Amino acid sequence: MEGRRIGRTLNMTFFQGQVAIDFNVLKETYFIVLHSKNLSIHEKSVTNSNGDELEVERFLEYPRAQQIYLELREPLPAGGNFTLNIKYSSRLGRELEGFYLSSYINEDGQVK
């Protein structure tokens, strides 16, 4: 898999973005499973190498396993090239993972 385009908007408590992931299918499948933690997925689509959009039959989020799951109506054939497009948003957290809030005090005593 290769992240082709990534964009994001960021403020002090919230971020949103989009990503296009190019991938090649090694074995025919109906499923795409990705890691996802604390993201709200707003739009998702899968396109083939001709730019035709494939129908997503089902979309599931499994927070306990930190996964999202897309099932397609038709199988992705082995050897095919596809792009997964996702628009997402989330809140910034205080944990030191992903996008998170942090601050420091500079030499002048200012909080940055």
Foldseek 3Di string as FASTA:
>chain_A
DDWDDKDKDDDQWKMKIKTKDKDAAAAKDQKDKDAAEQKDWDDKWKAWPVRDTFAFPDWDADNVVRMIMTGTPDIDHHGTMMMMMIIIMGTADCDPDDHHDDWDQDPVRDID
